[in-house]
């Protein structure tokens, strides 16, 4: 939940700065969100391509463990990670925290 609040706070701060400088947001909200989705997909394409080029298998279980948690995170109030994903969640929490 802390990361969501920090993200919201950063967005509000940027909005205040834009307003003080009389600058409009550089993109309509939907276009900006699509751009953010593109950033997330692009970030995940690098490990995917590296794994494929190294000859290691790229399968759904690898994708679910390596890419999905980064792209969608753990939503507040959502289901707890399963036992298999608990280790990855702990590693991600260490990197973030």
PDB file of N, CA and C in Angstrom:
ATOM      1  N   UNK A   1       0.826  -1.184   0.000  1.00  0.00           N
ATOM      2  CA  UNK A   1       0.000   0.000   0.000  1.00  0.00           C
ATOM      3  C   UNK A   1       0.877   1.257   0.000  1.00  0.00           C
ATOM      4  N   UNK A   2       2.046   1.156   0.644  1.00  0.00           N
ATOM      5  CA  UNK A   2       2.945   2.298   0.742  1.00  0.00           C
ATOM      6  C   UNK A   2       3.366   2.790  -0.641  1.00  0.00           C
ATOM      7  N   UNK A   3       3.656   1.856  -1.556  1.00  0.00           N
ATOM      8  CA  UNK A   3       4.094   2.242  -2.897  1.00  0.00           C
ATOM      9  C   UNK A   3       2.983   2.975  -3.653  1.00  0.00           C
ATOM     10  N   UNK A   4       1.745   2.555  -3.444  1.00  0.00           N
ATOM     11  CA  UNK A   4       0.626   3.216  -4.109  1.00  0.00           C
ATOM     12  C   UNK A   4       0.492   4.651  -3.603  1.00  0.00           C
ATOM     13  N   UNK A   5       0.643   4.836  -2.318  1.00  0.00           N
ATOM     14  CA  UNK A   5       0.545   6.176  -1.742  1.00  0.00           C
ATOM     15  C   UNK A   5       1.699   7.068  -2.206  1.00  0.00           C
ATOM     16  N   UNK A   6       2.911   6.497  -2.270  1.00  0.00           N
ATOM     17  CA  UNK A   6       4.052   7.262  -2.778  1.00  0.00           C
ATOM     18  C   UNK A   6       3.850   7.656  -4.234  1.00  0.00           C
ATOM     19  N   UNK A   7       3.335   6.736  -5.025  1.00  0.00           N
ATOM     20  CA  UNK A   7       3.069   7.024  -6.432  1.00  0.00           C
ATOM     21  C   UNK A   7       2.018   8.118  -6.574  1.00  0.00           C
ATOM     22  N   UNK A   8       0.961   8.007  -5.790  1.00  0.00           N
ATOM     23  CA  UNK A   8      -0.078   9.038  -5.826  1.00  0.00           C
ATOM     24  C   UNK A   8       0.491  10.387  -5.388  1.00  0.00           C
ATOM     25  N   UNK A   9       1.288  10.381  -4.340  1.00  0.00           N
ATOM     26  CA  UNK A   9       1.896  11.617  -3.856  1.00  0.00           C
ATOM     27  C   UNK A   9       2.795  12.260  -4.902  1.00  0.00           C
ATOM     28  N   UNK A  10       3.587  11.440  -5.582  1.00  0.00           N
ATOM     29  CA  UNK A  10       4.463  11.964  -6.636  1.00  0.00           C
ATOM     30  C   UNK A  10       3.628  12.574  -7.761  1.00  0.00           C
ATOM     31  N   UNK A  11       2.535  11.912  -8.114  1.00  0.00           N
ATOM     32  CA  UNK A  11       1.658  12.439  -9.157  1.00  0.00           C
ATOM     33  C   UNK A  11       1.018  13.761  -8.758  1.00  0.00           C
ATOM     34  N   UNK A  12       0.580  13.842  -7.513  1.00  0.00           N
ATOM     35  CA  UNK A  12      -0.017  15.090  -7.027  1.00  0.00           C
ATOM     36  C   UNK A  12       1.024  16.204  -7.034  1.00  0.00           C
ATOM     37  N   UNK A  13       2.243  15.892  -6.604  1.00  0.00           N
ATOM     38  CA  UNK A  13       3.314  16.892  -6.595  1.00  0.00           C
ATOM     39  C   UNK A  13       3.596  17.418  -7.999  1.00  0.00           C
ATOM     40  N   UNK A  14       3.679  16.525  -8.958  1.00  0.00           N
ATOM     41  CA  UNK A  14       3.912  16.950 -10.346  1.00  0.00           C
ATOM     42  C   UNK A  14       2.741  17.796 -10.832  1.00  0.00           C
ATOM     43  N   UNK A  15       1.518  17.402 -10.479  1.00  0.00           N
ATOM     44  CA  UNK A  15       0.351  18.191 -10.866  1.00  0.00           C
ATOM     45  C   UNK A  15       0.387  19.598 -10.285  1.00  0.00           C
ATOM     46  N   UNK A  16       0.801  19.718  -9.031  1.00  0.00           N
ATOM     47  CA  UNK A  16       0.914  21.033  -8.398  1.00  0.00           C
ATOM     48  C   UNK A  16       1.977  21.876  -9.108  1.00  0.00           C
ATOM     49  N   UNK A  17       3.114  21.266  -9.425  1.00  0.00           N
ATOM     50  CA  UNK A  17       4.184  21.992 -10.128  1.00  0.00           C
ATOM     51  C   UNK A  17       3.690  22.453 -11.497  1.00  0.00           C
ATOM     52  N   UNK A  18       2.993  21.563 -12.223  1.00  0.00           N
ATOM     53  CA  UNK A  18       2.432  21.953 -13.529  1.00  0.00           C
ATOM     54  C   UNK A  18       1.505  23.148 -13.369  1.00  0.00           C
ATOM     55  N   UNK A  19       0.651  23.101 -12.345  1.00  0.00           N
ATOM     56  CA  UNK A  19      -0.317  24.180 -12.132  1.00  0.00           C
ATOM     57  C   UNK A  19       0.393  25.488 -11.800  1.00  0.00           C
ATOM     58  N   UNK A  20       1.419  25.433 -10.943  1.00  0.00           N
ATOM     59  CA  UNK A  20       2.154  26.652 -10.574  1.00  0.00           C
ATOM     60  C   UNK A  20       2.877  27.264 -11.766  1.00  0.00           C
ATOM     61  N   UNK A  21       3.302  26.415 -12.689  1.00  0.00           N
ATOM     62  CA  UNK A  21       4.009  26.902 -13.877  1.00  0.00           C
ATOM     63  C   UNK A  21       3.055  27.205 -15.033  1.00  0.00           C
ATOM     64  N   UNK A  22       1.745  27.027 -14.794  1.00  0.00           N
ATOM     65  CA  UNK A  22       0.720  27.219 -15.834  1.00  0.00           C
ATOM     66  C   UNK A  22       1.004  26.357 -17.063  1.00  0.00           C
ATOM     67  N   UNK A  23       1.347  25.105 -16.826  1.00  0.00           N
ATOM     68  CA  UNK A  23       1.638  24.149 -17.899  1.00  0.00           C
ATOM     69  C   UNK A  23       0.556  23.084 -17.878  1.00  0.00           C
ATOM     70  N   UNK A  24       0.080  22.723 -19.051  1.00  0.00           N
ATOM     71  CA  UNK A  24      -0.898  21.643 -19.144  1.00  0.00           C
ATOM     72  C   UNK A  24      -0.168  20.303 -19.158  1.00  0.00           C
ATOM     73  N   UNK A  25      -0.844  19.271 -18.701  1.00  0.00           N
ATOM     74  CA  UNK A  25      -0.279  17.926 -18.738  1.00  0.00           C
ATOM     75  C   UNK A  25       0.107  17.596 -20.180  1.00  0.00           C
ATOM     76  N   UNK A  26       1.265  16.952 -20.379  1.00  0.00           N
ATOM     77  CA  UNK A  26       1.736  16.719 -21.746  1.00  0.00           C
ATOM     78  C   UNK A  26       0.905  15.725 -22.541  1.00  0.00           C
ATOM     79  N   UNK A  27       0.042  14.971 -21.899  1.00  0.00           N
ATOM     80  CA  UNK A  27      -0.753  13.985 -22.636  1.00  0.00           C
ATOM     81  C   UNK A  27      -2.104  13.820 -21.956  1.00  0.00           C
ATOM     82  N   UNK A  28      -3.133  13.582 -22.756  1.00  0.00           N
ATOM     83  CA  UNK A  28      -4.427  13.263 -22.140  1.00  0.00           C
ATOM     84  C   UNK A  28      -4.288  12.013 -21.274  1.00  0.00           C
ATOM     85  N   UNK A  29      -5.088  11.886 -20.222  1.00  0.00           N
ATOM     86  CA  UNK A  29      -4.910  10.773 -19.284  1.00  0.00           C
ATOM     87  C   UNK A  29      -4.893   9.388 -19.914  1.00  0.00           C
ATOM     88  N   UNK A  30      -5.779   9.112 -20.867  1.00  0.00           N
ATOM     89  CA  UNK A  30      -5.808   7.776 -21.466  1.00  0.00           C
ATOM     90  C   UNK A  30      -4.528   7.508 -22.240  1.00  0.00           C
ATOM     91  N   UNK A  31      -4.048   8.483 -22.972  1.00  0.00           N
ATOM     92  CA  UNK A  31      -2.804   8.309 -23.735  1.00  0.00           C
ATOM     93  C   UNK A  31      -1.632   8.098 -22.776  1.00  0.00           C
ATOM     94  N   UNK A  32      -1.631   8.838 -21.673  1.00  0.00           N
ATOM     95  CA  UNK A  32      -0.553   8.674 -20.691  1.00  0.00           C
ATOM     96  C   UNK A  32      -0.578   7.273 -20.094  1.00  0.00           C
ATOM     97  N   UNK A  33      -1.765   6.759 -19.796  1.00  0.00           N
ATOM     98  CA  UNK A  33      -1.855   5.404 -19.233  1.00  0.00           C
ATOM     99  C   UNK A  33      -1.418   4.343 -20.232  1.00  0.00           C
ATOM    100  N   UNK A  34      -1.760   4.530 -21.485  1.00  0.00           N
ATOM    101  CA  UNK A  34      -1.303   3.590 -22.519  1.00  0.00           C
ATOM    102  C   UNK A  34       0.220   3.643 -22.626  1.00  0.00           C
ATOM    103  N   UNK A  35       0.791   4.830 -22.513  1.00  0.00           N
ATOM    104  CA  UNK A  35       2.252   4.960 -22.526  1.00  0.00           C
ATOM    105  C   UNK A  35       2.894   4.241 -21.352  1.00  0.00           C
ATOM    106  N   UNK A  36       2.280   4.356 -20.176  1.00  0.00           N
ATOM    107  CA  UNK A  36       2.811   3.644 -19.003  1.00  0.00           C
ATOM    108  C   UNK A  36       2.730   2.134 -19.195  1.00  0.00           C
ATOM    109  N   UNK A  37       1.651   1.662 -19.797  1.00  0.00           N
ATOM    110  CA  UNK A  37       1.542   0.234 -20.091  1.00  0.00           C
ATOM    111  C   UNK A  37       2.662  -0.190 -21.038  1.00  0.00           C
ATOM    112  N   UNK A  38       2.947   0.644 -22.025  1.00  0.00           N
ATOM    113  CA  UNK A  38       4.051   0.354 -22.946  1.00  0.00           C
ATOM    114  C   UNK A  38       5.385   0.257 -22.233  1.00  0.00           C
ATOM    115  N   UNK A  39       5.595   1.131 -21.246  1.00  0.00           N
ATOM    116  CA  UNK A  39       6.835   1.080 -20.466  1.00  0.00           C
ATOM    117  C   UNK A  39       6.934  -0.253 -19.731  1.00  0.00           C
ATOM    118  N   UNK A  40       5.851  -0.675 -19.093  1.00  0.00           N
ATOM    119  CA  UNK A  40       5.868  -1.947 -18.365  1.00  0.00           C
ATOM    120  C   UNK A  40       6.131  -3.124 -19.300  1.00  0.00           C
ATOM    121  N   UNK A  41       5.473  -3.126 -20.447  1.00  0.00           N
ATOM    122  CA  UNK A  41       5.679  -4.225 -21.400  1.00  0.00           C
ATOM    123  C   UNK A  41       7.116  -4.211 -21.911  1.00  0.00           C
ATOM    124  N   UNK A  42       7.639  -3.016 -22.187  1.00  0.00           N
ATOM    125  CA  UNK A  42       9.018  -2.915 -22.657  1.00  0.00           C
ATOM    126  C   UNK A  42      10.020  -3.402 -21.625  1.00  0.00           C
ATOM    127  N   UNK A  43       9.772  -3.085 -20.342  1.00  0.00           N
ATOM    128  CA  UNK A  43      10.669  -3.556 -19.284  1.00  0.00           C
ATOM    129  C   UNK A  43      10.703  -5.075 -19.214  1.00  0.00           C
ATOM    130  N   UNK A  44       9.569  -5.701 -19.450  1.00  0.00           N
ATOM    131  CA  UNK A  44       9.511  -7.155 -19.352  1.00  0.00           C
ATOM    132  C   UNK A  44      10.006  -7.853 -20.603  1.00  0.00           C
ATOM    133  N   UNK A  45      10.091  -7.131 -21.715  1.00  0.00           N
ATOM    134  CA  UNK A  45      10.564  -7.762 -22.943  1.00  0.00           C
ATOM    135  C   UNK A  45      12.056  -8.067 -22.886  1.00  0.00           C
ATOM    136  N   UNK A  46      12.829  -7.261 -22.163  1.00  0.00           N
ATOM    137  CA  UNK A  46      14.283  -7.483 -22.099  1.00  0.00           C
ATOM    138  C   UNK A  46      14.612  -8.817 -21.429  1.00  0.00           C
ATOM    139  N   UNK A  47      14.087  -9.110 -20.205  1.00  0.00           N
ATOM    140  CA  UNK A  47      14.392 -10.415 -19.618  1.00  0.00           C
ATOM    141  C   UNK A  47      13.851 -11.572 -20.456  1.00  0.00           C
ATOM    142  N   UNK A  48      12.722 -11.361 -21.117  1.00  0.00           N
ATOM    143  CA  UNK A  48      12.138 -12.398 -21.957  1.00  0.00           C
ATOM    144  C   UNK A  48      13.053 -12.723 -23.128  1.00  0.00           C
ATOM    145  N   UNK A  49      13.553 -11.693 -23.794  1.00  0.00           N
ATOM    146  CA  UNK A  49      14.453 -11.894 -24.938  1.00  0.00           C
ATOM    147  C   UNK A  49      15.783 -12.487 -24.475  1.00  0.00           C
ATOM    148  N   UNK A  50      16.321 -11.998 -23.347  1.00  0.00           N
ATOM    149  CA  UNK A  50      17.582 -12.555 -22.827  1.00  0.00           C
ATOM    150  C   UNK A  50      17.435 -14.039 -22.550  1.00  0.00           C
ATOM    151  N   UNK A  51      16.325 -14.422 -21.934  1.00  0.00           N
ATOM    152  CA  UNK A  51      16.102 -15.835 -21.616  1.00  0.00           C
ATOM    153  C   UNK A  51      15.975 -16.655 -22.895  1.00  0.00           C
ATOM    154  N   UNK A  52      15.258 -16.142 -23.868  1.00  0.00           N
ATOM    155  CA  UNK A  52      15.089 -16.874 -25.127  1.00  0.00           C
ATOM    156  C   UNK A  52      16.426 -17.036 -25.858  1.00  0.00           C
ATOM    157  N   UNK A  53      17.249 -15.975 -25.863  1.00  0.00           N
ATOM    158  CA  UNK A  53      18.541 -16.050 -26.543  1.00  0.00           C
ATOM    159  C   UNK A  53      19.538 -16.957 -25.832  1.00  0.00           C
ATOM    160  N   UNK A  54      19.365 -17.120 -24.510  1.00  0.00           N
ATOM    161  CA  UNK A  54      20.279 -17.978 -23.760  1.00  0.00           C
ATOM    162  C   UNK A  54      19.948 -19.463 -23.937  1.00  0.00           C
ATOM    163  N   UNK A  55      18.832 -19.749 -24.598  1.00  0.00           N
ATOM    164  CA  UNK A  55      18.458 -21.140 -24.816  1.00  0.00           C
ATOM    165  C   UNK A  55      17.617 -21.728 -23.697  1.00  0.00           C
ATOM    166  N   UNK A  56      17.370 -20.956 -22.656  1.00  0.00           N
ATOM    167  CA  UNK A  56      16.515 -21.443 -21.571  1.00  0.00           C
ATOM    168  C   UNK A  56      15.067 -21.387 -22.023  1.00  0.00           C
ATOM    169  N   UNK A  57      14.246 -22.312 -21.507  1.00  0.00           N
ATOM    170  CA  UNK A  57      12.847 -22.317 -21.941  1.00  0.00           C
ATOM    171  C   UNK A  57      12.084 -21.094 -21.428  1.00  0.00           C
ATOM    172  N   UNK A  58      11.254 -20.559 -22.294  1.00  0.00           N
ATOM    173  CA  UNK A  58      10.354 -19.467 -21.913  1.00  0.00           C
ATOM    174  C   UNK A  58       8.963 -20.077 -21.883  1.00  0.00           C
ATOM    175  N   UNK A  59       8.484 -20.348 -20.680  1.00  0.00           N
ATOM    176  CA  UNK A  59       7.178 -20.969 -20.556  1.00  0.00           C
ATOM    177  C   UNK A  59       6.266 -20.118 -19.672  1.00  0.00           C
ATOM    178  N   UNK A  60       5.041 -20.534 -19.574  1.00  0.00           N
ATOM    179  CA  UNK A  60       4.044 -19.757 -18.848  1.00  0.00           C
ATOM    180  C   UNK A  60       4.376 -19.649 -17.365  1.00  0.00           C
ATOM    181  N   UNK A  61       4.903 -20.705 -16.770  1.00  0.00           N
ATOM    182  CA  UNK A  61       5.225 -20.642 -15.342  1.00  0.00           C
ATOM    183  C   UNK A  61       6.347 -19.635 -15.081  1.00  0.00           C
ATOM    184  N   UNK A  62       7.362 -19.595 -15.951  1.00  0.00           N
ATOM    185  CA  UNK A  62       8.427 -18.597 -15.797  1.00  0.00           C
ATOM    186  C   UNK A  62       7.857 -17.194 -15.941  1.00  0.00           C
ATOM    187  N   UNK A  63       7.023 -16.992 -16.958  1.00  0.00           N
ATOM    188  CA  UNK A  63       6.426 -15.681 -17.190  1.00  0.00           C
ATOM    189  C   UNK A  63       5.588 -15.248 -15.985  1.00  0.00           C
ATOM    190  N   UNK A  64       4.789 -16.166 -15.439  1.00  0.00           N
ATOM    191  CA  UNK A  64       3.956 -15.839 -14.281  1.00  0.00           C
ATOM    192  C   UNK A  64       4.785 -15.490 -13.057  1.00  0.00           C
ATOM    193  N   UNK A  65       5.919 -16.143 -12.874  1.00  0.00           N
ATOM    194  CA  UNK A  65       6.749 -15.878 -11.698  1.00  0.00           C
ATOM    195  C   UNK A  65       7.639 -14.649 -11.861  1.00  0.00           C
ATOM    196  N   UNK A  66       8.079 -14.370 -13.073  1.00  0.00           N
ATOM    197  CA  UNK A  66       9.039 -13.282 -13.280  1.00  0.00           C
ATOM    198  C   UNK A  66       8.415 -11.982 -13.779  1.00  0.00           C
ATOM    199  N   UNK A  67       7.422 -12.065 -14.630  1.00  0.00           N
ATOM    200  CA  UNK A  67       6.882 -10.864 -15.272  1.00  0.00           C
ATOM    201  C   UNK A  67       5.588 -10.361 -14.633  1.00  0.00           C
ATOM    202  N   UNK A  68       4.682 -11.255 -14.333  1.00  0.00           N
ATOM    203  CA  UNK A  68       3.375 -10.835 -13.834  1.00  0.00           C
ATOM    204  C   UNK A  68       3.454 -10.049 -12.528  1.00  0.00           C
ATOM    205  N   UNK A  69       4.242 -10.485 -11.532  1.00  0.00           N
ATOM    206  CA  UNK A  69       4.281  -9.699 -10.292  1.00  0.00           C
ATOM    207  C   UNK A  69       4.801  -8.282 -10.519  1.00  0.00           C
ATOM    208  N   UNK A  70       5.741  -8.118 -11.433  1.00  0.00           N
ATOM    209  CA  UNK A  70       6.278  -6.784 -11.693  1.00  0.00           C
ATOM    210  C   UNK A  70       5.256  -5.909 -12.411  1.00  0.00           C
ATOM    211  N   UNK A  71       4.532  -6.487 -13.344  1.00  0.00           N
ATOM    212  CA  UNK A  71       3.591  -5.694 -14.124  1.00  0.00           C
ATOM    213  C   UNK A  71       2.354  -5.307 -13.324  1.00  0.00           C
ATOM    214  N   UNK A  72       1.884  -6.200 -12.459  1.00  0.00           N
ATOM    215  CA  UNK A  72       0.637  -5.932 -11.767  1.00  0.00           C
ATOM    216  C   UNK A  72       0.805  -5.732 -10.273  1.00  0.00           C
ATOM    217  N   UNK A  73       1.939  -6.122  -9.718  1.00  0.00           N
ATOM    218  CA  UNK A  73       2.173  -5.942  -8.287  1.00  0.00           C
ATOM    219  C   UNK A  73       1.178  -6.725  -7.450  1.00  0.00           C
ATOM    220  N   UNK A  74       1.190  -6.469  -6.173  1.00  0.00           N
ATOM    221  CA  UNK A  74       0.243  -7.090  -5.262  1.00  0.00           C
ATOM    222  C   UNK A  74      -0.753  -6.016  -4.869  1.00  0.00           C
ATOM    223  N   UNK A  75      -1.965  -6.172  -5.338  1.00  0.00           N
ATOM    224  CA  UNK A  75      -2.982  -5.164  -5.104  1.00  0.00           C
ATOM    225  C   UNK A  75      -3.404  -5.167  -3.640  1.00  0.00           C
ATOM    226  N   UNK A  76      -3.685  -3.996  -3.086  1.00  0.00           N
ATOM    227  CA  UNK A  76      -4.113  -3.935  -1.694  1.00  0.00           C
ATOM    228  C   UNK A  76      -5.420  -4.699  -1.514  1.00  0.00           C
ATOM    229  N   UNK A  77      -5.478  -5.502  -0.478  1.00  0.00           N
ATOM    230  CA  UNK A  77      -6.682  -6.267  -0.189  1.00  0.00           C
ATOM    231  C   UNK A  77      -6.875  -7.457  -1.094  1.00  0.00           C
ATOM    232  N   UNK A  78      -5.945  -7.692  -1.996  1.00  0.00           N
ATOM    233  CA  UNK A  78      -6.051  -8.826  -2.905  1.00  0.00           C
ATOM    234  C   UNK A  78      -5.634 -10.105  -2.201  1.00  0.00           C
ATOM    235  N   UNK A  79      -5.714 -11.191  -2.924  1.00  0.00           N
ATOM    236  CA  UNK A  79      -5.338 -12.490  -2.377  1.00  0.00           C
ATOM    237  C   UNK A  79      -3.843 -12.515  -2.081  1.00  0.00           C
ATOM    238  N   UNK A  80      -3.473 -13.215  -1.033  1.00  0.00           N
ATOM    239  CA  UNK A  80      -2.064 -13.356  -0.687  1.00  0.00           C
ATOM    240  C   UNK A  80      -1.382 -14.245  -1.710  1.00  0.00           C
ATOM    241  N   UNK A  81      -0.082 -14.033  -1.948  1.00  0.00           N
ATOM    242  CA  UNK A  81       0.628 -14.882  -2.907  1.00  0.00           C
ATOM    243  C   UNK A  81       0.611 -16.333  -2.442  1.00  0.00           C
ATOM    244  N   UNK A  82       0.563 -17.241  -3.408  1.00  0.00           N
ATOM    245  CA  UNK A  82       0.596 -18.657  -3.066  1.00  0.00           C
ATOM    246  C   UNK A  82       1.986 -19.027  -2.582  1.00  0.00           C
ATOM    247  N   UNK A  83       2.115 -20.230  -2.028  1.00  0.00           N
ATOM    248  CA  UNK A  83       3.391 -20.659  -1.449  1.00  0.00           C
ATOM    249  C   UNK A  83       4.520 -20.585  -2.468  1.00  0.00           C
ATOM    250  N   UNK A  84       4.249 -20.944  -3.726  1.00  0.00           N
ATOM    251  CA  UNK A  84       5.275 -20.900  -4.756  1.00  0.00           C
ATOM    252  C   UNK A  84       5.715 -19.490  -5.088  1.00  0.00           C
ATOM    253  N   UNK A  85       4.816 -18.540  -4.915  1.00  0.00           N
ATOM    254  CA  UNK A  85       5.135 -17.159  -5.252  1.00  0.00           C
ATOM    255  C   UNK A  85       5.589 -16.360  -4.037  1.00  0.00           C
ATOM    256  N   UNK A  86       5.496 -16.923  -2.861  1.00  0.00           N
ATOM    257  CA  UNK A  86       5.868 -16.200  -1.643  1.00  0.00           C
ATOM    258  C   UNK A  86       7.345 -15.823  -1.662  1.00  0.00           C
ATOM    259  N   UNK A  87       8.192 -16.719  -2.159  1.00  0.00           N
ATOM    260  CA  UNK A  87       9.623 -16.434  -2.223  1.00  0.00           C
ATOM    261  C   UNK A  87       9.891 -15.244  -3.131  1.00  0.00           C
ATOM    262  N   UNK A  88       9.260 -15.229  -4.325  1.00  0.00           N
ATOM    263  CA  UNK A  88       9.447 -14.116  -5.247  1.00  0.00           C
ATOM    264  C   UNK A  88       8.901 -12.823  -4.670  1.00  0.00           C
ATOM    265  N   UNK A  89       7.792 -12.897  -3.959  1.00  0.00           N
ATOM    266  CA  UNK A  89       7.214 -11.700  -3.341  1.00  0.00           C
ATOM    267  C   UNK A  89       8.176 -11.143  -2.297  1.00  0.00           C
ATOM    268  N   UNK A  90       8.795 -12.028  -1.532  1.00  0.00           N
ATOM    269  CA  UNK A  90       9.747 -11.574  -0.509  1.00  0.00           C
ATOM    270  C   UNK A  90      10.967 -10.923  -1.154  1.00  0.00           C
ATOM    271  N   UNK A  91      11.433 -11.483  -2.265  1.00  0.00           N
ATOM    272  CA  UNK A  91      12.577 -10.907  -2.969  1.00  0.00           C
ATOM    273  C   UNK A  91      12.205  -9.528  -3.512  1.00  0.00           C
ATOM    274  N   UNK A  92      11.011  -9.412  -4.115  1.00  0.00           N
ATOM    275  CA  UNK A  92      10.578  -8.131  -4.652  1.00  0.00           C
ATOM    276  C   UNK A  92      10.412  -7.104  -3.547  1.00  0.00           C
ATOM    277  N   UNK A  93       9.896  -7.511  -2.377  1.00  0.00           N
ATOM    278  CA  UNK A  93       9.720  -6.596  -1.262  1.00  0.00           C
ATOM    279  C   UNK A  93      11.073  -6.086  -0.782  1.00  0.00           C
ATOM    280  N   UNK A  94      12.097  -6.965  -0.795  1.00  0.00           N
ATOM    281  CA  UNK A  94      13.436  -6.545  -0.355  1.00  0.00           C
ATOM    282  C   UNK A  94      13.986  -5.505  -1.304  1.00  0.00           C
ATOM    283  N   UNK A  95      13.745  -5.698  -2.628  1.00  0.00           N
ATOM    284  CA  UNK A  95      14.241  -4.736  -3.608  1.00  0.00           C
ATOM    285  C   UNK A  95      13.547  -3.395  -3.468  1.00  0.00           C
ATOM    286  N   UNK A  96      12.259  -3.416  -3.205  1.00  0.00           N
ATOM    287  CA  UNK A  96      11.475  -2.176  -3.120  1.00  0.00           C
ATOM    288  C   UNK A  96      11.739  -1.476  -1.788  1.00  0.00           C
ATOM    289  N   UNK A  97      11.669  -2.229  -0.684  1.00  0.00           N
ATOM    290  CA  UNK A  97      11.740  -1.660   0.656  1.00  0.00           C
ATOM    291  C   UNK A  97      13.111  -1.265   0.992  1.00  0.00           C
TER     292      UNK A  97
END
